[in-house]
Amino acid sequence: MAGTPQIAIDAMGGDGGPATMIEGAALAAARDLALRFTLFGDESLIRAELAKHPILNDRADVAHAPEAISGADKPSQAIRRAKTTSMGLAIAAVKQGAANAAVSAGNTGALMAMSKLSLRTMKGIDRPALAALLPTLGDNDLVMLDLGANTECDARNLVEFAVMGAAYSRCALGIERPRVRLLNIGTEELKGTDELRDAAARLRAEGHLHLQFEGFIESDRLGRGEADVVVTDGFSGNIALKTMEGTARFVTDLLRRAFTSSIRSKVGFLISRPATDLLRHHLDPNNHNGAVFLGLNGIVVKSHGGANTQGVANAIGVAARLVSNDLGRRIAEDLDQIRAHEVTA
């Protein structure tokens, strides 16, 4: 299976349901001829959509799931229905070795709870973290974590997040020694909480890891390309992420309003169309879709609930790259280096 990534897809998750998830799988299949899929959900609905995409004829199996997790379901409710829902069965396929990774656009809290309960955390990881790729002005995207899985984190958690984020960057972006920074209210060494300063001291001492720790970064520099991995607790990370998304929507809406305000503005829009198209492409969350639960004994990728076909395909592509580059092994090796260094210190 190592040479043929098998992706379990929760076909019932997300705003678009089976139509968007299966069309996204077809697009991902066209990009990567090695991909194979197992589609979990209502079999009749899935087969009706599959008929529209011949490229999946010999590359997708269907596994019927009588139920689906809704956006209103609480994590505790979802866990009790894990064995009968498309989301739960997709995660179970990873646990059983029938799939290398699972992709869902469904309820984030339910997905996290079921993934953690079913797959468990890796040895040496205290808490899993939610990581995503964000656009920057630099040469590559930014890996940021945690984005909401853990509202409170101690220094050990932050160091683990740094190790996992760096491994993710190496796998997804091909950066051999990612530049890692901690999100803080200032760049000076004395700024921030005790946990942040302690984590910074520990990371400076871990010079043998496959990362470059470059201190603190403030939130207004996140998109400047000055770091490859930014680490924070889930509370601050989620606020930062939502602020960035809101700012992107504000900019695009403001431009739309400005360009439609008069005849002269409309002419200006036509002249500047190539530049505005580039801006819209760069800010479109579908082009950076696919958040990952790092630290579990298996790969689970969360697609945005409102993702379009392109976004779903990108999320599947993230899962495939992490499988091909053996993310779990890389994280485990770096954690082993930390433990070995602690023993000899």
C-alpha atoms as a PDB file:
ATOM      1  CA  MET A   1       0.000   0.000   0.000  1.00  0.00           C
ATOM      2  CA  ALA A   2       3.035   2.288   0.479  1.00  0.00           C
ATOM      3  CA  GLY A   3       3.335   2.839  -3.263  1.00  0.00           C
ATOM      4  CA  THR A   4      -0.423   3.285  -3.745  1.00  0.00           C
ATOM      5  CA  PRO A   5      -1.892   5.828  -1.307  1.00  0.00           C
ATOM      6  CA  GLN A   6      -5.364   4.714  -0.254  1.00  0.00           C
ATOM      7  CA  ILE A   7      -7.465   7.645   0.968  1.00  0.00           C
ATOM      8  CA  ALA A   8     -10.642   7.166   3.013  1.00  0.00           C
ATOM      9  CA  ILE A   9     -13.121   9.945   2.251  1.00  0.00           C
ATOM     10  CA  ASP A  10     -16.106  10.979   4.332  1.00  0.00           C
ATOM     11  CA  ALA A  11     -18.334  11.614   1.315  1.00  0.00           C
ATOM     12  CA  MET A  12     -21.176  13.034   3.414  1.00  0.00           C
ATOM     13  CA  GLY A  13     -19.223  15.829   5.112  1.00  0.00           C
ATOM     14  CA  GLY A  14     -19.122  19.473   4.061  1.00  0.00           C
ATOM     15  CA  ASP A  15     -21.660  21.879   2.610  1.00  0.00           C
ATOM     16  CA  GLY A  16     -21.550  20.295  -0.860  1.00  0.00           C
ATOM     17  CA  GLY A  17     -21.968  16.701   0.313  1.00  0.00           C
ATOM     18  CA  PRO A  18     -21.181  13.778  -2.027  1.00  0.00           C
ATOM     19  CA  ALA A  19     -21.243  15.893  -5.195  1.00  0.00           C
ATOM     20  CA  THR A  20     -18.384  18.162  -4.111  1.00  0.00           C
ATOM     21  CA  MET A  21     -16.393  15.479  -2.275  1.00  0.00           C
ATOM     22  CA  ILE A  22     -16.486  13.034  -5.186  1.00  0.00           C
ATOM     23  CA  GLU A  23     -15.793  15.655  -7.836  1.00  0.00           C
ATOM     24  CA  GLY A  24     -12.839  16.756  -5.689  1.00  0.00           C
ATOM     25  CA  ALA A  25     -11.617  13.161  -5.536  1.00  0.00           C
ATOM     26  CA  ALA A  26     -11.875  12.937  -9.325  1.00  0.00           C
ATOM     27  CA  LEU A  27      -9.769  16.084  -9.708  1.00  0.00           C
ATOM     28  CA  ALA A  28      -7.189  14.739  -7.247  1.00  0.00           C
ATOM     29  CA  ALA A  29      -7.144  11.439  -9.159  1.00  0.00           C
ATOM     30  CA  ALA A  30      -6.402  13.283 -12.401  1.00  0.00           C
ATOM     31  CA  ARG A  31      -3.466  15.021 -10.740  1.00  0.00           C
ATOM     32  CA  ASP A  32      -2.046  11.867  -9.129  1.00  0.00           C
ATOM     33  CA  LEU A  33      -2.532   8.583 -10.993  1.00  0.00           C
ATOM     34  CA  ALA A  34      -1.399   6.549  -7.972  1.00  0.00           C
ATOM     35  CA  LEU A  35      -4.284   7.581  -5.738  1.00  0.00           C
ATOM     36  CA  ARG A  36      -7.010   5.131  -4.711  1.00  0.00           C
ATOM     37  CA  PHE A  37     -10.106   5.903  -2.643  1.00  0.00           C
ATOM     38  CA  THR A  38     -12.693   4.368  -0.369  1.00  0.00           C
ATOM     39  CA  LEU A  39     -15.813   6.522  -0.218  1.00  0.00           C
ATOM     40  CA  PHE A  40     -17.912   6.273   2.953  1.00  0.00           C
ATOM     41  CA  GLY A  41     -21.559   7.336   3.081  1.00  0.00           C
ATOM     42  CA  ASP A  42     -24.967   6.715   1.540  1.00  0.00           C
ATOM     43  CA  GLU A  43     -24.171   4.158  -1.176  1.00  0.00           C
ATOM     44  CA  SER A  44     -26.965   5.170  -3.561  1.00  0.00           C
ATOM     45  CA  LEU A  45     -25.987   8.856  -3.448  1.00  0.00           C
ATOM     46  CA  ILE A  46     -22.300   8.064  -3.853  1.00  0.00           C
ATOM     47  CA  ARG A  47     -22.801   5.752  -6.844  1.00  0.00           C
ATOM     48  CA  ALA A  48     -24.993   8.340  -8.551  1.00  0.00           C
ATOM     49  CA  GLU A  49     -22.131  10.865  -8.299  1.00  0.00           C
ATOM     50  CA  LEU A  50     -19.484   8.302  -9.244  1.00  0.00           C
ATOM     51  CA  ALA A  51     -21.274   7.697 -12.541  1.00  0.00           C
ATOM     52  CA  LYS A  52     -20.381  11.274 -13.519  1.00  0.00           C
ATOM     53  CA  HIS A  53     -16.626  10.683 -13.092  1.00  0.00           C
ATOM     54  CA  PRO A  54     -15.276   7.772 -15.166  1.00  0.00           C
ATOM     55  CA  ILE A  55     -11.735   8.437 -13.928  1.00  0.00           C
ATOM     56  CA  LEU A  56     -12.798   6.899 -10.601  1.00  0.00           C
ATOM     57  CA  ASN A  57     -14.292   3.729 -12.125  1.00  0.00           C
ATOM     58  CA  ASP A  58     -11.399   1.453 -11.164  1.00  0.00           C
ATOM     59  CA  ARG A  59      -9.956   3.605  -8.403  1.00  0.00           C
ATOM     60  CA  ALA A  60     -12.765   4.078  -5.887  1.00  0.00           C
ATOM     61  CA  ASP A  61     -14.564   1.594  -3.656  1.00  0.00           C
ATOM     62  CA  VAL A  62     -17.814   2.406  -1.868  1.00  0.00           C
ATOM     63  CA  ALA A  63     -18.508   1.534   1.785  1.00  0.00           C
ATOM     64  CA  HIS A  64     -22.066   2.170   2.898  1.00  0.00           C
ATOM     65  CA  ALA A  65     -22.586   4.183   6.083  1.00  0.00           C
ATOM     66  CA  PRO A  66     -26.198   4.518   7.262  1.00  0.00           C
ATOM     67  CA  GLU A  67     -25.627   7.810   9.106  1.00  0.00           C
ATOM     68  CA  ALA A  68     -23.716  11.075   8.810  1.00  0.00           C
ATOM     69  CA  ILE A  69     -22.411  13.541  11.384  1.00  0.00           C
ATOM     70  CA  SER A  70     -24.093  16.946  11.167  1.00  0.00           C
ATOM     71  CA  GLY A  71     -22.610  20.308  12.034  1.00  0.00           C
ATOM     72  CA  ALA A  72     -24.875  20.473  15.076  1.00  0.00           C
ATOM     73  CA  ASP A  73     -23.687  17.181  16.593  1.00  0.00           C
ATOM     74  CA  LYS A  74     -21.638  17.510  19.760  1.00  0.00           C
ATOM     75  CA  PRO A  75     -18.341  15.546  19.893  1.00  0.00           C
ATOM     76  CA  SER A  76     -19.765  13.304  22.642  1.00  0.00           C
ATOM     77  CA  GLN A  77     -22.750  12.454  20.426  1.00  0.00           C
ATOM     78  CA  ALA A  78     -20.506  11.799  17.437  1.00  0.00           C
ATOM     79  CA  ILE A  79     -18.299   9.397  19.381  1.00  0.00           C
ATOM     80  CA  ARG A  80     -21.296   7.251  20.329  1.00  0.00           C
ATOM     81  CA  ARG A  81     -22.206   6.972  16.618  1.00  0.00           C
ATOM     82  CA  ALA A  82     -18.699   6.341  15.307  1.00  0.00           C
ATOM     83  CA  LYS A  83     -19.456   2.818  14.065  1.00  0.00           C
ATOM     84  CA  THR A  84     -22.426   3.856  11.935  1.00  0.00           C
ATOM     85  CA  THR A  85     -21.364   7.215  10.460  1.00  0.00           C
ATOM     86  CA  SER A  86     -19.359   8.010   7.346  1.00  0.00           C
ATOM     87  CA  MET A  87     -16.877  10.052   9.377  1.00  0.00           C
ATOM     88  CA  GLY A  88     -16.346   7.385  12.018  1.00  0.00           C
ATOM     89  CA  LEU A  89     -15.941   4.586   9.478  1.00  0.00           C
ATOM     90  CA  ALA A  90     -13.405   6.621   7.443  1.00  0.00           C
ATOM     91  CA  ILE A  91     -11.281   7.100  10.566  1.00  0.00           C
ATOM     92  CA  ALA A  92     -11.663   3.411  11.470  1.00  0.00           C
ATOM     93  CA  ALA A  93     -10.286   2.480   8.035  1.00  0.00           C
ATOM     94  CA  VAL A  94      -7.058   4.300   8.925  1.00  0.00           C
ATOM     95  CA  LYS A  95      -6.853   2.561  12.305  1.00  0.00           C
ATOM     96  CA  GLN A  96      -7.388  -0.852  10.701  1.00  0.00           C
ATOM     97  CA  GLY A  97      -4.762  -0.238   8.013  1.00  0.00           C
ATOM     98  CA  ALA A  98      -7.307  -0.330   5.191  1.00  0.00           C
ATOM     99  CA  ALA A  99      -6.459   3.294   4.333  1.00  0.00           C
ATOM    100  CA  ASN A 100      -3.362   5.466   4.730  1.00  0.00           C
ATOM    101  CA  ALA A 101      -5.274   8.649   5.524  1.00  0.00           C
ATOM    102  CA  ALA A 102      -8.791   9.999   6.037  1.00  0.00           C
ATOM    103  CA  VAL A 103     -10.240  13.226   4.624  1.00  0.00           C
ATOM    104  CA  SER A 104     -13.439  14.865   5.900  1.00  0.00           C
ATOM    105  CA  ALA A 105     -15.115  18.241   5.464  1.00  0.00           C
ATOM    106  CA  GLY A 106     -17.479  17.567   8.352  1.00  0.00           C
ATOM    107  CA  ASN A 107     -17.852  18.803  11.925  1.00  0.00           C
ATOM    108  CA  THR A 108     -14.343  19.748  13.187  1.00  0.00           C
ATOM    109  CA  GLY A 109     -14.981  19.015  16.864  1.00  0.00           C
ATOM    110  CA  ALA A 110     -16.476  15.620  16.077  1.00  0.00           C
ATOM    111  CA  LEU A 111     -13.629  14.764  13.707  1.00  0.00           C
ATOM    112  CA  MET A 112     -11.029  15.681  16.301  1.00  0.00           C
ATOM    113  CA  ALA A 113     -12.751  13.760  19.090  1.00  0.00           C
ATOM    114  CA  MET A 114     -13.269  10.605  17.049  1.00  0.00           C
ATOM    115  CA  SER A 115      -9.770  10.725  15.567  1.00  0.00           C
ATOM    116  CA  LYS A 116      -8.132  11.103  18.967  1.00  0.00           C
ATOM    117  CA  LEU A 117     -10.219   8.330  20.533  1.00  0.00           C
ATOM    118  CA  SER A 118      -9.736   5.898  17.661  1.00  0.00           C
ATOM    119  CA  LEU A 119      -6.129   6.551  16.616  1.00  0.00           C
ATOM    120  CA  ARG A 120      -4.678   7.698  19.955  1.00  0.00           C
ATOM    121  CA  THR A 121      -1.704  10.031  20.275  1.00  0.00           C
ATOM    122  CA  MET A 122       1.784   9.014  19.227  1.00  0.00           C
ATOM    123  CA  LYS A 123       4.321   7.951  21.831  1.00  0.00           C
ATOM    124  CA  GLY A 124       5.942  11.080  23.251  1.00  0.00           C
ATOM    125  CA  ILE A 125       3.084  13.399  22.248  1.00  0.00           C
ATOM    126  CA  ASP A 126       1.011  14.815  25.073  1.00  0.00           C
ATOM    127  CA  ARG A 127      -1.639  16.469  22.872  1.00  0.00           C
ATOM    128  CA  PRO A 128      -2.417  16.458  19.142  1.00  0.00           C
ATOM    129  CA  ALA A 129      -2.556  19.794  17.333  1.00  0.00           C
ATOM    130  CA  LEU A 130      -4.449  21.196  14.361  1.00  0.00           C
ATOM    131  CA  ALA A 131      -2.092  22.551  11.684  1.00  0.00           C
ATOM    132  CA  ALA A 132      -2.785  24.293   8.375  1.00  0.00           C
ATOM    133  CA  LEU A 133      -0.961  25.926   5.486  1.00  0.00           C
ATOM    134  CA  LEU A 134      -1.432  29.704   5.212  1.00  0.00           C
ATOM    135  CA  PRO A 135      -0.411  32.002   2.326  1.00  0.00           C
ATOM    136  CA  THR A 136       2.557  34.360   2.647  1.00  0.00           C
ATOM    137  CA  LEU A 137       4.532  36.833   0.546  1.00  0.00           C
ATOM    138  CA  GLY A 138       7.517  34.489   0.751  1.00  0.00           C
ATOM    139  CA  ASP A 139       8.523  31.606  -1.494  1.00  0.00           C
ATOM    140  CA  ASN A 140       6.326  29.079   0.306  1.00  0.00           C
ATOM    141  CA  ASP A 141       3.258  28.747   2.504  1.00  0.00           C
ATOM    142  CA  LEU A 142       3.402  28.924   6.287  1.00  0.00           C
ATOM    143  CA  VAL A 143       2.609  25.993   8.582  1.00  0.00           C
ATOM    144  CA  MET A 144       0.749  27.249  11.657  1.00  0.00           C
ATOM    145  CA  LEU A 145      -0.338  25.272  14.719  1.00  0.00           C
ATOM    146  CA  ASP A 146      -2.227  24.870  16.994  1.00  0.00           C
ATOM    147  CA  LEU A 147      -5.351  26.346  15.424  1.00  0.00           C
ATOM    148  CA  GLY A 148      -7.921  25.315  17.986  1.00  0.00           C
ATOM    149  CA  ALA A 149      -7.420  21.809  19.352  1.00  0.00           C
ATOM    150  CA  ASN A 150      -5.896  22.948  22.678  1.00  0.00           C
ATOM    151  CA  THR A 151      -6.883  26.228  24.311  1.00  0.00           C
ATOM    152  CA  GLU A 152      -4.179  25.999  26.987  1.00  0.00           C
ATOM    153  CA  CYS A 153      -0.647  24.707  26.405  1.00  0.00           C
ATOM    154  CA  ASP A 154       2.485  24.420  28.520  1.00  0.00           C
ATOM    155  CA  ALA A 155       6.076  24.696  27.298  1.00  0.00           C
ATOM    156  CA  ARG A 156       6.333  20.976  26.591  1.00  0.00           C
ATOM    157  CA  ASN A 157       3.255  21.104  24.365  1.00  0.00           C
ATOM    158  CA  LEU A 158       4.684  24.030  22.404  1.00  0.00           C
ATOM    159  CA  VAL A 159       7.993  22.209  21.857  1.00  0.00           C
ATOM    160  CA  GLU A 160       6.089  19.136  20.617  1.00  0.00           C
ATOM    161  CA  PHE A 161       4.074  21.363  18.282  1.00  0.00           C
ATOM    162  CA  ALA A 162       7.319  22.813  16.908  1.00  0.00           C
ATOM    163  CA  VAL A 163       8.680  19.329  16.187  1.00  0.00           C
ATOM    164  CA  MET A 164       5.435  18.228  14.510  1.00  0.00           C
ATOM    165  CA  GLY A 165       5.067  21.462  12.534  1.00  0.00           C
ATOM    166  CA  ALA A 166       8.640  21.218  11.253  1.00  0.00           C
ATOM    167  CA  ALA A 167       8.064  17.610  10.150  1.00  0.00           C
ATOM    168  CA  TYR A 168       4.877  18.699   8.390  1.00  0.00           C
ATOM    169  CA  SER A 169       6.752  21.486   6.610  1.00  0.00           C
ATOM    170  CA  ARG A 170       9.429  19.050   5.446  1.00  0.00           C
ATOM    171  CA  CYS A 171       6.805  16.623   4.117  1.00  0.00           C
ATOM    172  CA  ALA A 172       4.308  19.046   2.576  1.00  0.00           C
ATOM    173  CA  LEU A 173       6.637  21.824   1.399  1.00  0.00           C
ATOM    174  CA  GLY A 174      10.001  20.079   1.025  1.00  0.00           C
ATOM    175  CA  ILE A 175      11.843  22.453   3.390  1.00  0.00           C
ATOM    176  CA  GLU A 176      14.708  20.475   4.951  1.00  0.00           C
ATOM    177  CA  ARG A 177      15.314  22.751   7.968  1.00  0.00           C
ATOM    178  CA  PRO A 178      12.192  24.885   8.449  1.00  0.00           C
ATOM    179  CA  ARG A 179      12.469  28.237  10.232  1.00  0.00           C
ATOM    180  CA  VAL A 180      10.355  27.907  13.386  1.00  0.00           C
ATOM    181  CA  ARG A 181       9.037  30.790  15.503  1.00  0.00           C
ATOM    182  CA  LEU A 182       6.724  31.132  18.484  1.00  0.00           C
ATOM    183  CA  LEU A 183       3.802  33.574  18.233  1.00  0.00           C
ATOM    184  CA  ASN A 184       4.199  36.270  20.889  1.00  0.00           C
ATOM    185  CA  ILE A 185       3.286  39.876  21.709  1.00  0.00           C
ATOM    186  CA  GLY A 186       6.839  40.992  20.921  1.00  0.00           C
ATOM    187  CA  THR A 187      10.132  39.661  19.580  1.00  0.00           C
ATOM    188  CA  GLU A 188      12.239  40.457  22.663  1.00  0.00           C
ATOM    189  CA  GLU A 189      13.330  37.455  24.756  1.00  0.00           C
ATOM    190  CA  LEU A 190      11.684  38.816  27.904  1.00  0.00           C
ATOM    191  CA  LYS A 191       8.259  39.249  26.275  1.00  0.00           C
ATOM    192  CA  GLY A 192       5.360  36.840  26.718  1.00  0.00           C
ATOM    193  CA  THR A 193       4.251  34.239  29.239  1.00  0.00           C
ATOM    194  CA  ASP A 194       6.471  31.921  31.258  1.00  0.00           C
ATOM    195  CA  GLU A 195       5.363  29.042  29.021  1.00  0.00           C
ATOM    196  CA  LEU A 196       6.487  30.878  25.873  1.00  0.00           C
ATOM    197  CA  ARG A 197       9.869  31.848  27.307  1.00  0.00           C
ATOM    198  CA  ASP A 198      10.435  28.329  28.625  1.00  0.00           C
ATOM    199  CA  ALA A 199       9.531  26.794  25.262  1.00  0.00           C
ATOM    200  CA  ALA A 200      11.890  29.204  23.500  1.00  0.00           C
ATOM    201  CA  ALA A 201      14.750  28.220  25.818  1.00  0.00           C
ATOM    202  CA  ARG A 202      14.105  24.531  25.192  1.00  0.00           C
ATOM    203  CA  LEU A 203      14.000  24.959  21.424  1.00  0.00           C
ATOM    204  CA  ARG A 204      17.252  26.936  21.441  1.00  0.00           C
ATOM    205  CA  ALA A 205      18.858  24.017  23.279  1.00  0.00           C
ATOM    206  CA  GLU A 206      17.601  21.474  20.727  1.00  0.00           C
ATOM    207  CA  GLY A 207      20.066  22.436  17.973  1.00  0.00           C
ATOM    208  CA  HIS A 208      20.272  18.835  16.745  1.00  0.00           C
ATOM    209  CA  LEU A 209      16.695  18.829  15.396  1.00  0.00           C
ATOM    210  CA  HIS A 210      15.716  19.244  11.728  1.00  0.00           C
ATOM    211  CA  LEU A 211      14.609  22.830  12.282  1.00  0.00           C
ATOM    212  CA  GLN A 212      15.966  26.330  12.816  1.00  0.00           C
ATOM    213  CA  PHE A 213      14.470  28.066  15.822  1.00  0.00           C
ATOM    214  CA  GLU A 214      14.466  31.834  15.189  1.00  0.00           C
ATOM    215  CA  GLY A 215      12.723  33.172  18.293  1.00  0.00           C
ATOM    216  CA  PHE A 216       9.418  35.008  18.528  1.00  0.00           C
ATOM    217  CA  ILE A 217       7.185  36.539  15.864  1.00  0.00           C
ATOM    218  CA  GLU A 218       4.301  39.008  16.166  1.00  0.00           C
ATOM    219  CA  SER A 219       0.963  38.399  14.482  1.00  0.00           C
ATOM    220  CA  ASP A 220       1.334  41.294  12.038  1.00  0.00           C
ATOM    221  CA  ARG A 221       4.345  39.506  10.477  1.00  0.00           C
ATOM    222  CA  LEU A 222       2.664  36.147   9.839  1.00  0.00           C
ATOM    223  CA  GLY A 223       2.155  36.759   6.133  1.00  0.00           C
ATOM    224  CA  ARG A 224       5.562  38.264   5.424  1.00  0.00           C
ATOM    225  CA  GLY A 225       7.395  35.001   4.725  1.00  0.00           C
ATOM    226  CA  GLU A 226       9.697  35.396   7.735  1.00  0.00           C
ATOM    227  CA  ALA A 227       8.980  31.900   9.114  1.00  0.00           C
ATOM    228  CA  ASP A 228       8.138  28.462   7.750  1.00  0.00           C
ATOM    229  CA  VAL A 229       6.416  27.255  10.940  1.00  0.00           C
ATOM    230  CA  VAL A 230       4.644  29.361  13.578  1.00  0.00           C
ATOM    231  CA  VAL A 231       3.716  27.716  16.889  1.00  0.00           C
ATOM    232  CA  THR A 232       1.129  28.883  19.411  1.00  0.00           C
ATOM    233  CA  ASP A 233      -1.606  27.593  21.691  1.00  0.00           C
ATOM    234  CA  GLY A 234      -4.972  26.766  20.144  1.00  0.00           C
ATOM    235  CA  PHE A 235      -6.746  29.757  21.667  1.00  0.00           C
ATOM    236  CA  SER A 236      -4.377  32.356  20.199  1.00  0.00           C
ATOM    237  CA  GLY A 237      -3.947  30.372  16.989  1.00  0.00           C
ATOM    238  CA  ASN A 238      -7.655  30.187  16.274  1.00  0.00           C
ATOM    239  CA  ILE A 239      -8.084  33.921  16.899  1.00  0.00           C
ATOM    240  CA  ALA A 240      -5.126  34.706  14.612  1.00  0.00           C
ATOM    241  CA  LEU A 241      -6.486  32.434  11.880  1.00  0.00           C
ATOM    242  CA  LYS A 242      -9.990  33.922  12.000  1.00  0.00           C
ATOM    243  CA  THR A 243      -8.516  37.442  11.958  1.00  0.00           C
ATOM    244  CA  MET A 244      -6.456  36.621   8.860  1.00  0.00           C
ATOM    245  CA  GLU A 245      -9.473  35.094   7.108  1.00  0.00           C
ATOM    246  CA  GLY A 246     -11.640  38.087   8.022  1.00  0.00           C
ATOM    247  CA  THR A 247      -9.010  40.535   6.796  1.00  0.00           C
ATOM    248  CA  ALA A 248      -8.756  38.688   3.476  1.00  0.00           C
ATOM    249  CA  ARG A 249     -12.522  38.895   3.005  1.00  0.00           C
ATOM    250  CA  PHE A 250     -12.468  42.582   4.032  1.00  0.00           C
ATOM    251  CA  VAL A 251      -9.819  43.402   1.424  1.00  0.00           C
ATOM    252  CA  THR A 252     -11.570  41.570  -1.403  1.00  0.00           C
ATOM    253  CA  ASP A 253     -14.977  43.059  -0.516  1.00  0.00           C
ATOM    254  CA  LEU A 254     -13.482  46.545  -0.266  1.00  0.00           C
ATOM    255  CA  LEU A 255     -11.871  46.195  -3.691  1.00  0.00           C
ATOM    256  CA  ARG A 256     -15.136  44.933  -5.171  1.00  0.00           C
ATOM    257  CA  ARG A 257     -17.001  47.917  -3.721  1.00  0.00           C
ATOM    258  CA  ALA A 258     -14.363  50.383  -4.914  1.00  0.00           C
ATOM    259  CA  PHE A 259     -14.287  48.990  -8.460  1.00  0.00           C
ATOM    260  CA  THR A 260     -18.082  49.155  -8.855  1.00  0.00           C
ATOM    261  CA  SER A 261     -18.586  52.622  -7.393  1.00  0.00           C
ATOM    262  CA  SER A 262     -18.475  54.491 -10.733  1.00  0.00           C
ATOM    263  CA  ILE A 263     -17.926  54.148 -14.474  1.00  0.00           C
ATOM    264  CA  ARG A 264     -14.363  55.351 -14.030  1.00  0.00           C
ATOM    265  CA  SER A 265     -13.746  52.737 -11.368  1.00  0.00           C
ATOM    266  CA  LYS A 266     -15.121  49.980 -13.603  1.00  0.00           C
ATOM    267  CA  VAL A 267     -12.697  50.996 -16.336  1.00  0.00           C
ATOM    268  CA  GLY A 268      -9.894  50.916 -13.769  1.00  0.00           C
ATOM    269  CA  PHE A 269     -10.966  47.418 -12.782  1.00  0.00           C
ATOM    270  CA  LEU A 270     -10.695  46.175 -16.372  1.00  0.00           C
ATOM    271  CA  ILE A 271      -7.184  47.600 -16.633  1.00  0.00           C
ATOM    272  CA  SER A 272      -6.096  46.061 -13.326  1.00  0.00           C
ATOM    273  CA  ARG A 273      -7.941  42.739 -13.820  1.00  0.00           C
ATOM    274  CA  PRO A 274      -4.775  40.574 -13.999  1.00  0.00           C
ATOM    275  CA  ALA A 275      -3.546  41.989 -10.677  1.00  0.00           C
ATOM    276  CA  THR A 276      -6.889  41.588  -8.933  1.00  0.00           C
ATOM    277  CA  ASP A 277      -7.239  38.015 -10.247  1.00  0.00           C
ATOM    278  CA  LEU A 278      -3.825  37.211  -8.773  1.00  0.00           C
ATOM    279  CA  LEU A 279      -4.848  38.731  -5.445  1.00  0.00           C
ATOM    280  CA  ARG A 280      -8.101  36.772  -5.382  1.00  0.00           C
ATOM    281  CA  HIS A 281      -6.254  33.535  -6.177  1.00  0.00           C
ATOM    282  CA  HIS A 282      -3.707  34.158  -3.421  1.00  0.00           C
ATOM    283  CA  LEU A 283      -6.383  34.898  -0.806  1.00  0.00           C
ATOM    284  CA  ASP A 284      -8.771  32.110  -1.831  1.00  0.00           C
ATOM    285  CA  PRO A 285      -8.827  29.606   1.083  1.00  0.00           C
ATOM    286  CA  ASN A 286      -9.537  26.777  -1.372  1.00  0.00           C
ATOM    287  CA  ASN A 287      -5.979  27.103  -2.645  1.00  0.00           C
ATOM    288  CA  HIS A 288      -4.630  26.397   0.850  1.00  0.00           C
ATOM    289  CA  ASN A 289      -7.252  23.904   1.998  1.00  0.00           C
ATOM    290  CA  GLY A 290      -6.436  20.930   4.192  1.00  0.00           C
ATOM    291  CA  ALA A 291      -5.759  21.191   7.932  1.00  0.00           C
ATOM    292  CA  VAL A 292      -4.082  18.212   9.613  1.00  0.00           C
ATOM    293  CA  PHE A 293      -4.426  16.680  13.076  1.00  0.00           C
ATOM    294  CA  LEU A 294      -0.762  16.175  13.977  1.00  0.00           C
ATOM    295  CA  GLY A 295       0.402  13.796  16.699  1.00  0.00           C
ATOM    296  CA  LEU A 296      -2.009  10.917  16.075  1.00  0.00           C
ATOM    297  CA  ASN A 297      -1.187   7.366  15.019  1.00  0.00           C
ATOM    298  CA  GLY A 298      -2.595   8.021  11.590  1.00  0.00           C
ATOM    299  CA  ILE A 299      -3.217  10.868   9.164  1.00  0.00           C
ATOM    300  CA  VAL A 300      -6.528  12.755   9.281  1.00  0.00           C
ATOM    301  CA  VAL A 301      -7.044  15.833   7.100  1.00  0.00           C
ATOM    302  CA  LYS A 302      -9.827  18.351   7.704  1.00  0.00           C
ATOM    303  CA  SER A 303     -11.182  20.058   4.606  1.00  0.00           C
ATOM    304  CA  HIS A 304     -13.047  23.337   5.084  1.00  0.00           C
ATOM    305  CA  GLY A 305     -16.793  22.736   5.213  1.00  0.00           C
ATOM    306  CA  GLY A 306     -17.427  25.273   2.467  1.00  0.00           C
ATOM    307  CA  ALA A 307     -14.588  24.123   0.217  1.00  0.00           C
ATOM    308  CA  ASN A 308     -15.274  23.811  -3.499  1.00  0.00           C
ATOM    309  CA  THR A 309     -14.050  21.032  -5.789  1.00  0.00           C
ATOM    310  CA  GLN A 310     -10.594  22.602  -6.052  1.00  0.00           C
ATOM    311  CA  GLY A 311     -10.370  22.893  -2.277  1.00  0.00           C
ATOM    312  CA  VAL A 312     -11.332  19.256  -1.699  1.00  0.00           C
ATOM    313  CA  ALA A 313      -8.755  18.130  -4.267  1.00  0.00           C
ATOM    314  CA  ASN A 314      -6.102  20.196  -2.499  1.00  0.00           C
ATOM    315  CA  ALA A 315      -6.994  18.637   0.867  1.00  0.00           C
ATOM    316  CA  ILE A 316      -6.681  15.177  -0.653  1.00  0.00           C
ATOM    317  CA  GLY A 317      -3.343  16.231  -2.132  1.00  0.00           C
ATOM    318  CA  VAL A 318      -2.117  17.243   1.338  1.00  0.00           C
ATOM    319  CA  ALA A 319      -3.095  13.817   2.687  1.00  0.00           C
ATOM    320  CA  ALA A 320      -1.331  12.053  -0.182  1.00  0.00           C
ATOM    321  CA  ARG A 321       1.910  14.011   0.300  1.00  0.00           C
ATOM    322  CA  LEU A 322       1.974  13.282   4.025  1.00  0.00           C
ATOM    323  CA  VAL A 323       1.462   9.581   3.321  1.00  0.00           C
ATOM    324  CA  SER A 324       4.153   9.474   0.627  1.00  0.00           C
ATOM    325  CA  ASN A 325       6.659  11.314   2.835  1.00  0.00           C
ATOM    326  CA  ASP A 326       5.881   9.188   5.913  1.00  0.00           C
ATOM    327  CA  LEU A 327       4.987  12.029   8.264  1.00  0.00           C
ATOM    328  CA  GLY A 328       4.525   9.788  11.310  1.00  0.00           C
ATOM    329  CA  ARG A 329       8.023   8.339  11.007  1.00  0.00           C
ATOM    330  CA  ARG A 330       9.605  11.783  10.731  1.00  0.00           C
ATOM    331  CA  ILE A 331       7.816  13.052  13.832  1.00  0.00           C
ATOM    332  CA  ALA A 332       8.774   9.907  15.780  1.00  0.00           C
ATOM    333  CA  GLU A 333      12.438  10.240  14.805  1.00  0.00           C
ATOM    334  CA  ASP A 334      12.601  13.863  15.964  1.00  0.00           C
ATOM    335  CA  LEU A 335      10.905  13.006  19.259  1.00  0.00           C
ATOM    336  CA  ASP A 336      13.427  10.213  19.779  1.00  0.00           C
ATOM    337  CA  GLN A 337      16.227  12.753  19.286  1.00  0.00           C
ATOM    338  CA  ILE A 338      14.739  14.991  21.985  1.00  0.00           C
ATOM    339  CA  ARG A 339      14.476  12.099  24.442  1.00  0.00           C
ATOM    340  CA  ALA A 340      18.028  10.957  23.675  1.00  0.00           C
ATOM    341  CA  HIS A 341      19.304  14.513  24.218  1.00  0.00           C
ATOM    342  CA  GLU A 342      17.454  14.762  27.555  1.00  0.00           C
ATOM    343  CA  VAL A 343      19.055  11.513  28.746  1.00  0.00           C
ATOM    344  CA  THR A 344      22.609  12.626  27.878  1.00  0.00           C
ATOM    345  CA  ALA A 345      22.173  16.223  29.082  1.00  0.00           C
END
